[in-house]
Amino acid sequence: MSDVTITIIDREGVAHQVLAPTDMNMNLMEVCKAYELPVQAVCGGMAMCATCQCYIMSDHDLGERNDDEQAMLWEAEHVKDNSRLGCQIPITENLEGLIVELAPED
């Protein structure tokens, strides 16, 4: 089993360093839920609600947003250039050292 270390900054500005398994087909939203971080994931990871929106703070290349993610972020609030949906970020070894900040809920 191979884990990567990811830093997730919650909505109060507190950084949580978590271990995320690369061999369980998880995504970033599921990792947040597993560590009981405040991500609602209303749609269950289908890129239909933006409640797992986060900002990529580190210099990781996550590839382009897919069409569903782009469409959802087009309608979401608090979107920035570095916004991504956590449910659309699969946990891979390339994410070692990733830093993300959870977007505001309101």
C-alpha atoms as a PDB file:
ATOM      1  CA  MET A   1       0.000   0.000   0.000  1.00  0.00           C
ATOM      2  CA  SER A   2       1.236   3.441  -0.917  1.00  0.00           C
ATOM      3  CA  ASP A   3       0.007   6.621   0.740  1.00  0.00           C
ATOM      4  CA  VAL A   4       0.601  10.240  -0.213  1.00  0.00           C
ATOM      5  CA  THR A   5       0.667  13.171   2.187  1.00  0.00           C
ATOM      6  CA  ILE A   6      -1.814  15.934   1.386  1.00  0.00           C
ATOM      7  CA  THR A   7      -2.367  19.174   3.295  1.00  0.00           C
ATOM      8  CA  ILE A   8      -5.980  20.326   3.451  1.00  0.00           C
ATOM      9  CA  ILE A   9      -6.653  23.806   4.819  1.00  0.00           C
ATOM     10  CA  ASP A  10     -10.134  23.981   6.306  1.00  0.00           C
ATOM     11  CA  ARG A  11     -12.483  26.981   6.197  1.00  0.00           C
ATOM     12  CA  GLU A  12     -11.065  28.327   9.474  1.00  0.00           C
ATOM     13  CA  GLY A  13      -7.534  28.336   8.047  1.00  0.00           C
ATOM     14  CA  VAL A  14      -6.355  25.275   9.975  1.00  0.00           C
ATOM     15  CA  ALA A  15      -4.015  22.999   8.004  1.00  0.00           C
ATOM     16  CA  HIS A  16      -4.603  19.255   8.288  1.00  0.00           C
ATOM     17  CA  GLN A  17      -1.868  16.958   7.024  1.00  0.00           C
ATOM     18  CA  VAL A  18      -3.518  13.690   5.977  1.00  0.00           C
ATOM     19  CA  LEU A  19      -2.422  10.399   4.472  1.00  0.00           C
ATOM     20  CA  ALA A  20      -4.346   9.356   1.375  1.00  0.00           C
ATOM     21  CA  PRO A  21      -4.106   5.831  -0.055  1.00  0.00           C
ATOM     22  CA  THR A  22      -3.266   5.564  -3.744  1.00  0.00           C
ATOM     23  CA  ASP A  23      -4.495   1.980  -4.059  1.00  0.00           C
ATOM     24  CA  MET A  24      -8.166   2.385  -3.082  1.00  0.00           C
ATOM     25  CA  ASN A  25      -9.527   4.342  -6.098  1.00  0.00           C
ATOM     26  CA  MET A  26     -10.432   7.299  -3.858  1.00  0.00           C
ATOM     27  CA  ASN A  27     -10.751  10.951  -4.772  1.00  0.00           C
ATOM     28  CA  LEU A  28      -9.920  14.062  -2.763  1.00  0.00           C
ATOM     29  CA  MET A  29     -13.543  14.586  -1.677  1.00  0.00           C
ATOM     30  CA  GLU A  30     -13.655  11.067  -0.212  1.00  0.00           C
ATOM     31  CA  VAL A  31     -10.392  11.676   1.648  1.00  0.00           C
ATOM     32  CA  CYS A  32     -11.862  14.855   3.154  1.00  0.00           C
ATOM     33  CA  LYS A  33     -14.939  12.917   4.263  1.00  0.00           C
ATOM     34  CA  ALA A  34     -12.790  10.114   5.715  1.00  0.00           C
ATOM     35  CA  TYR A  35     -10.947  12.652   7.876  1.00  0.00           C
ATOM     36  CA  GLU A  36     -14.246  14.324   8.847  1.00  0.00           C
ATOM     37  CA  LEU A  37     -13.332  17.610   7.199  1.00  0.00           C
ATOM     38  CA  PRO A  38     -16.323  19.852   6.389  1.00  0.00           C
ATOM     39  CA  VAL A  39     -17.115  18.744   2.851  1.00  0.00           C
ATOM     40  CA  GLN A  40     -20.803  18.066   2.233  1.00  0.00           C
ATOM     41  CA  ALA A  41     -20.520  16.073  -1.015  1.00  0.00           C
ATOM     42  CA  VAL A  42     -24.255  16.446  -1.555  1.00  0.00           C
ATOM     43  CA  CYS A  43     -24.159  14.778  -4.990  1.00  0.00           C
ATOM     44  CA  GLY A  44     -21.971  11.888  -3.850  1.00  0.00           C
ATOM     45  CA  GLY A  45     -19.088  12.754  -6.146  1.00  0.00           C
ATOM     46  CA  MET A  46     -20.921  13.193  -9.453  1.00  0.00           C
ATOM     47  CA  ALA A  47     -19.643  16.770 -10.134  1.00  0.00           C
ATOM     48  CA  MET A  48     -23.174  18.106  -9.704  1.00  0.00           C
ATOM     49  CA  CYS A  49     -23.088  20.268  -6.545  1.00  0.00           C
ATOM     50  CA  ALA A  50     -19.675  21.967  -6.014  1.00  0.00           C
ATOM     51  CA  THR A  51     -19.823  21.401  -2.224  1.00  0.00           C
ATOM     52  CA  CYS A  52     -16.345  19.854  -2.459  1.00  0.00           C
ATOM     53  CA  GLN A  53     -14.837  22.840  -4.289  1.00  0.00           C
ATOM     54  CA  CYS A  54     -11.277  23.547  -3.249  1.00  0.00           C
ATOM     55  CA  TYR A  55      -8.403  25.748  -4.317  1.00  0.00           C
ATOM     56  CA  ILE A  56      -5.151  24.127  -5.445  1.00  0.00           C
ATOM     57  CA  MET A  57      -2.468  25.990  -3.507  1.00  0.00           C
ATOM     58  CA  SER A  58       0.601  23.970  -4.540  1.00  0.00           C
ATOM     59  CA  ASP A  59       2.216  23.698  -7.956  1.00  0.00           C
ATOM     60  CA  HIS A  60       0.770  20.295  -8.897  1.00  0.00           C
ATOM     61  CA  ASP A  61      -0.371  19.604 -12.450  1.00  0.00           C
ATOM     62  CA  LEU A  62      -3.797  18.010 -12.066  1.00  0.00           C
ATOM     63  CA  GLY A  63      -4.613  18.155 -15.753  1.00  0.00           C
ATOM     64  CA  GLU A  64      -7.520  19.980 -17.300  1.00  0.00           C
ATOM     65  CA  ARG A  65     -10.984  20.102 -15.797  1.00  0.00           C
ATOM     66  CA  ASN A  66     -13.340  17.663 -17.497  1.00  0.00           C
ATOM     67  CA  ASP A  67     -16.556  18.990 -19.080  1.00  0.00           C
ATOM     68  CA  ASP A  68     -18.761  18.138 -16.063  1.00  0.00           C
ATOM     69  CA  GLU A  69     -16.375  19.801 -13.628  1.00  0.00           C
ATOM     70  CA  GLN A  70     -16.047  22.881 -15.819  1.00  0.00           C
ATOM     71  CA  ALA A  71     -19.828  23.197 -16.158  1.00  0.00           C
ATOM     72  CA  MET A  72     -20.383  22.893 -12.403  1.00  0.00           C
ATOM     73  CA  LEU A  73     -17.689  25.445 -11.582  1.00  0.00           C
ATOM     74  CA  TRP A  74     -19.214  27.810 -14.143  1.00  0.00           C
ATOM     75  CA  GLU A  75     -22.344  27.903 -11.949  1.00  0.00           C
ATOM     76  CA  ALA A  76     -20.669  27.769  -8.516  1.00  0.00           C
ATOM     77  CA  GLU A  77     -19.818  30.651  -6.194  1.00  0.00           C
ATOM     78  CA  HIS A  78     -16.333  31.634  -4.951  1.00  0.00           C
ATOM     79  CA  VAL A  79     -14.675  30.164  -8.066  1.00  0.00           C
ATOM     80  CA  LYS A  80     -11.062  31.124  -8.724  1.00  0.00           C
ATOM     81  CA  ASP A  81      -8.592  30.177 -11.447  1.00  0.00           C
ATOM     82  CA  ASN A  82      -7.233  27.426  -9.186  1.00  0.00           C
ATOM     83  CA  SER A  83     -10.669  26.009  -8.255  1.00  0.00           C
ATOM     84  CA  ARG A  84     -11.279  22.296  -8.648  1.00  0.00           C
ATOM     85  CA  LEU A  85     -13.910  19.852  -7.451  1.00  0.00           C
ATOM     86  CA  GLY A  86     -12.393  17.418  -4.971  1.00  0.00           C
ATOM     87  CA  CYS A  87     -14.559  14.607  -6.348  1.00  0.00           C
ATOM     88  CA  GLN A  88     -12.799  14.960  -9.698  1.00  0.00           C
ATOM     89  CA  ILE A  89      -9.261  14.620  -8.318  1.00  0.00           C
ATOM     90  CA  PRO A  90      -8.251  10.957  -8.094  1.00  0.00           C
ATOM     91  CA  ILE A  91      -5.660  10.110  -5.447  1.00  0.00           C
ATOM     92  CA  THR A  92      -2.453   9.128  -7.221  1.00  0.00           C
ATOM     93  CA  GLU A  93       1.235   9.108  -6.334  1.00  0.00           C
ATOM     94  CA  ASN A  94       1.568  12.402  -8.260  1.00  0.00           C
ATOM     95  CA  LEU A  95      -0.356  14.163  -5.476  1.00  0.00           C
ATOM     96  CA  GLU A  96       2.438  13.761  -2.891  1.00  0.00           C
ATOM     97  CA  GLY A  97       2.736  17.133  -1.134  1.00  0.00           C
ATOM     98  CA  LEU A  98      -0.478  18.549  -2.603  1.00  0.00           C
ATOM     99  CA  ILE A  99      -1.873  21.555  -0.716  1.00  0.00           C
ATOM    100  CA  VAL A 100      -5.528  22.498  -1.078  1.00  0.00           C
ATOM    101  CA  GLU A 101      -7.810  24.961   0.661  1.00  0.00           C
ATOM    102  CA  LEU A 102     -11.529  24.290   1.025  1.00  0.00           C
ATOM    103  CA  ALA A 103     -13.683  26.929  -0.664  1.00  0.00           C
ATOM    104  CA  PRO A 104     -16.232  28.863   1.430  1.00  0.00           C
ATOM    105  CA  GLU A 105     -19.641  27.236   1.832  1.00  0.00           C
ATOM    106  CA  ASP A 106     -21.831  30.314   1.604  1.00  0.00           C
END
